[in-house]
Amino acid sequence: MKISVKVKANQKTQSLEFQSETECIAKLKSLPIKGKANQELVGLLSKYYGVTKKDIEIVSGHVSNIKIVEISNLD
């Protein structure tokens, strides 16, 4: 499954707000430096969907605030 994620980095709280089944806004505590925000996003999505971090891949938008993320091994 692919979802579109708009990332807001350097926030006070960490959360996911789903606009629809395939679109969400991710509020992250990390700064977007050296991939730390991307790592935090993968961890947050893995907890939400109940999959491992290996099952989540950022397909596009590695340096953008809008990312396409592919999640595999969903039951």
N, C-alpha and C. Protein backbone atom coordinates (compact mmCIF):
# COMPACT_ATOMS: atom_id res chain seq x y z
N MET A 1 0.84 -1.17 0.00
CA MET A 1 0.00 0.00 0.00
C MET A 1 0.89 1.24 0.00
N LYS A 2 0.53 2.21 -0.80
CA LYS A 2 1.28 3.46 -0.84
C LYS A 2 0.43 4.57 -0.22
N ILE A 3 1.10 5.40 0.59
CA ILE A 3 0.41 6.54 1.17
C ILE A 3 1.24 7.80 0.93
N SER A 4 0.55 8.92 0.90
CA SER A 4 1.21 10.22 0.77
C SER A 4 1.27 10.85 2.16
N VAL A 5 2.46 11.29 2.54
CA VAL A 5 2.66 11.83 3.88
C VAL A 5 3.23 13.24 3.78
N LYS A 6 2.57 14.19 4.44
CA LYS A 6 3.13 15.54 4.55
C LYS A 6 3.79 15.62 5.92
N VAL A 7 5.07 15.91 5.94
CA VAL A 7 5.85 15.90 7.17
C VAL A 7 6.02 17.31 7.71
N LYS A 8 5.74 17.45 9.01
CA LYS A 8 6.01 18.70 9.72
C LYS A 8 7.03 18.37 10.79
N ALA A 9 8.27 18.78 10.58
CA ALA A 9 9.36 18.46 11.50
C ALA A 9 9.48 19.52 12.59
N ASN A 10 10.25 19.18 13.63
CA ASN A 10 10.55 20.08 14.73
C ASN A 10 9.28 20.53 15.47
N GLN A 11 8.39 19.58 15.74
CA GLN A 11 7.15 19.85 16.48
C GLN A 11 7.33 19.43 17.94
N LYS A 12 6.46 19.92 18.81
CA LYS A 12 6.55 19.57 20.23
C LYS A 12 6.06 18.15 20.49
N THR A 13 5.08 17.70 19.71
CA THR A 13 4.53 16.36 19.90
C THR A 13 4.68 15.55 18.63
N GLN A 14 4.57 14.24 18.78
CA GLN A 14 4.71 13.31 17.66
C GLN A 14 3.33 12.71 17.40
N SER A 15 2.83 12.83 16.15
CA SER A 15 1.51 12.28 15.87
C SER A 15 1.31 12.05 14.38
N LEU A 16 0.30 11.23 14.07
CA LEU A 16 -0.16 11.02 12.70
C LEU A 16 -1.62 11.46 12.63
N GLU A 17 -1.94 12.28 11.63
CA GLU A 17 -3.33 12.71 11.42
C GLU A 17 -3.73 12.31 10.02
N PHE A 18 -4.63 11.33 9.92
CA PHE A 18 -5.04 10.83 8.61
C PHE A 18 -6.16 11.68 8.04
N GLN A 19 -5.94 12.18 6.80
CA GLN A 19 -6.95 12.94 6.08
C GLN A 19 -7.87 12.00 5.32
N SER A 20 -7.29 10.91 4.82
CA SER A 20 -8.03 9.84 4.15
C SER A 20 -7.24 8.56 4.37
N GLU A 21 -7.64 7.48 3.70
CA GLU A 21 -6.95 6.21 3.89
C GLU A 21 -5.52 6.24 3.36
N THR A 22 -5.26 7.09 2.36
CA THR A 22 -3.93 7.12 1.74
C THR A 22 -3.20 8.46 1.89
N GLU A 23 -3.71 9.35 2.72
CA GLU A 23 -3.06 10.64 2.94
C GLU A 23 -3.02 10.95 4.43
N CYS A 24 -1.84 11.40 4.90
CA CYS A 24 -1.76 11.79 6.30
C CYS A 24 -0.75 12.91 6.50
N ILE A 25 -0.84 13.52 7.67
CA ILE A 25 0.11 14.54 8.10
C ILE A 25 0.85 13.96 9.30
N ALA A 26 2.18 13.97 9.23
CA ALA A 26 3.00 13.44 10.31
C ALA A 26 3.71 14.59 11.01
N LYS A 27 3.46 14.72 12.31
CA LYS A 27 4.17 15.71 13.11
C LYS A 27 5.30 14.99 13.82
N LEU A 28 6.52 15.45 13.59
CA LEU A 28 7.71 14.78 14.11
C LEU A 28 8.51 15.72 15.00
N LYS A 29 9.17 15.16 16.02
CA LYS A 29 10.00 15.96 16.91
C LYS A 29 11.37 16.26 16.32
N SER A 30 11.87 15.37 15.47
CA SER A 30 13.23 15.50 14.93
C SER A 30 13.34 16.64 13.94
N LEU A 31 14.55 17.14 13.81
CA LEU A 31 14.88 18.10 12.77
C LEU A 31 15.19 17.34 11.49
N PRO A 32 14.90 17.93 10.33
CA PRO A 32 15.21 17.23 9.07
C PRO A 32 16.68 17.33 8.69
N ILE A 33 17.53 16.82 9.55
CA ILE A 33 18.98 16.87 9.32
C ILE A 33 19.51 15.44 9.32
N LYS A 34 20.27 15.09 8.29
CA LYS A 34 20.91 13.78 8.14
C LYS A 34 19.91 12.62 8.24
N GLY A 35 18.68 12.83 7.76
CA GLY A 35 17.70 11.75 7.70
C GLY A 35 17.04 11.39 9.01
N LYS A 36 17.25 12.20 10.06
CA LYS A 36 16.66 11.87 11.36
C LYS A 36 15.14 11.92 11.32
N ALA A 37 14.57 12.89 10.61
CA ALA A 37 13.11 12.97 10.51
C ALA A 37 12.56 11.78 9.72
N ASN A 38 13.28 11.35 8.68
CA ASN A 38 12.84 10.18 7.91
C ASN A 38 12.85 8.93 8.78
N GLN A 39 13.87 8.76 9.60
CA GLN A 39 13.95 7.61 10.50
C GLN A 39 12.80 7.63 11.51
N GLU A 40 12.51 8.82 12.03
CA GLU A 40 11.41 8.94 12.99
C GLU A 40 10.07 8.63 12.32
N LEU A 41 9.90 9.08 11.08
CA LEU A 41 8.67 8.79 10.34
C LEU A 41 8.49 7.29 10.13
N VAL A 42 9.55 6.60 9.73
CA VAL A 42 9.47 5.15 9.52
C VAL A 42 9.10 4.45 10.82
N GLY A 43 9.70 4.86 11.93
CA GLY A 43 9.38 4.27 13.22
C GLY A 43 7.93 4.50 13.64
N LEU A 44 7.45 5.71 13.42
CA LEU A 44 6.08 6.05 13.78
C LEU A 44 5.08 5.27 12.93
N LEU A 45 5.34 5.15 11.63
CA LEU A 45 4.44 4.39 10.76
C LEU A 45 4.48 2.90 11.08
N SER A 46 5.65 2.39 11.44
CA SER A 46 5.74 0.96 11.77
C SER A 46 4.92 0.63 13.01
N LYS A 47 4.93 1.51 14.00
CA LYS A 47 4.11 1.29 15.20
C LYS A 47 2.62 1.38 14.86
N TYR A 48 2.25 2.35 14.04
CA TYR A 48 0.84 2.54 13.70
C TYR A 48 0.27 1.34 12.95
N TYR A 49 1.02 0.85 11.96
CA TYR A 49 0.53 -0.25 11.14
C TYR A 49 0.88 -1.63 11.69
N GLY A 50 1.71 -1.70 12.72
CA GLY A 50 2.07 -2.97 13.32
C GLY A 50 2.96 -3.83 12.44
N VAL A 51 3.87 -3.19 11.72
CA VAL A 51 4.83 -3.90 10.88
C VAL A 51 6.24 -3.50 11.31
N THR A 52 7.24 -4.20 10.78
CA THR A 52 8.62 -3.85 11.11
C THR A 52 9.07 -2.65 10.29
N LYS A 53 10.15 -2.03 10.71
CA LYS A 53 10.69 -0.88 9.98
C LYS A 53 11.16 -1.27 8.59
N LYS A 54 11.56 -2.54 8.41
CA LYS A 54 12.01 -3.01 7.10
C LYS A 54 10.86 -3.04 6.09
N ASP A 55 9.62 -3.12 6.58
CA ASP A 55 8.45 -3.18 5.70
C ASP A 55 8.00 -1.81 5.21
N ILE A 56 8.67 -0.76 5.66
CA ILE A 56 8.30 0.61 5.27
C ILE A 56 9.45 1.22 4.49
N GLU A 57 9.11 1.73 3.30
CA GLU A 57 10.14 2.33 2.43
C GLU A 57 9.65 3.68 1.92
N ILE A 58 10.50 4.68 2.03
CA ILE A 58 10.18 5.99 1.46
C ILE A 58 10.55 5.91 -0.02
N VAL A 59 9.53 5.94 -0.88
CA VAL A 59 9.73 5.76 -2.31
C VAL A 59 10.22 7.05 -2.96
N SER A 60 9.60 8.17 -2.59
CA SER A 60 10.04 9.45 -3.14
C SER A 60 9.87 10.53 -2.09
N GLY A 61 10.63 11.62 -2.25
CA GLY A 61 10.54 12.74 -1.34
C GLY A 61 11.48 12.65 -0.16
N HIS A 62 12.65 12.03 -0.35
CA HIS A 62 13.60 11.88 0.75
C HIS A 62 14.03 13.22 1.35
N VAL A 63 14.11 14.26 0.53
CA VAL A 63 14.51 15.58 1.03
C VAL A 63 13.38 16.59 0.93
N SER A 64 12.16 16.12 0.74
CA SER A 64 10.99 16.98 0.63
C SER A 64 10.10 16.78 1.85
N ASN A 65 9.17 17.71 2.07
CA ASN A 65 8.25 17.52 3.18
C ASN A 65 7.01 16.72 2.76
N ILE A 66 6.87 16.43 1.48
CA ILE A 66 5.80 15.56 0.99
C ILE A 66 6.45 14.29 0.46
N LYS A 67 6.08 13.16 1.06
CA LYS A 67 6.73 11.89 0.74
C LYS A 67 5.70 10.86 0.30
N ILE A 68 6.14 9.95 -0.54
CA ILE A 68 5.35 8.77 -0.90
C ILE A 68 6.01 7.60 -0.17
N VAL A 69 5.22 6.91 0.66
CA VAL A 69 5.73 5.82 1.47
C VAL A 69 5.01 4.55 1.09
N GLU A 70 5.78 3.48 0.88
CA GLU A 70 5.20 2.18 0.57
C GLU A 70 5.30 1.28 1.79
N ILE A 71 4.16 0.67 2.16
CA ILE A 71 4.10 -0.21 3.31
C ILE A 71 3.75 -1.60 2.82
N SER A 72 4.60 -2.58 3.15
CA SER A 72 4.35 -3.95 2.73
C SER A 72 4.07 -4.83 3.94
N ASN A 73 3.63 -6.06 3.67
CA ASN A 73 3.32 -7.05 4.70
C ASN A 73 2.18 -6.64 5.62
N LEU A 74 1.19 -5.93 5.07
CA LEU A 74 -0.01 -5.63 5.84
C LEU A 74 -0.97 -6.81 5.72
N ASP A 75 -1.56 -7.20 6.82
CA ASP A 75 -2.50 -8.33 6.78
C ASP A 75 -3.92 -7.86 6.54
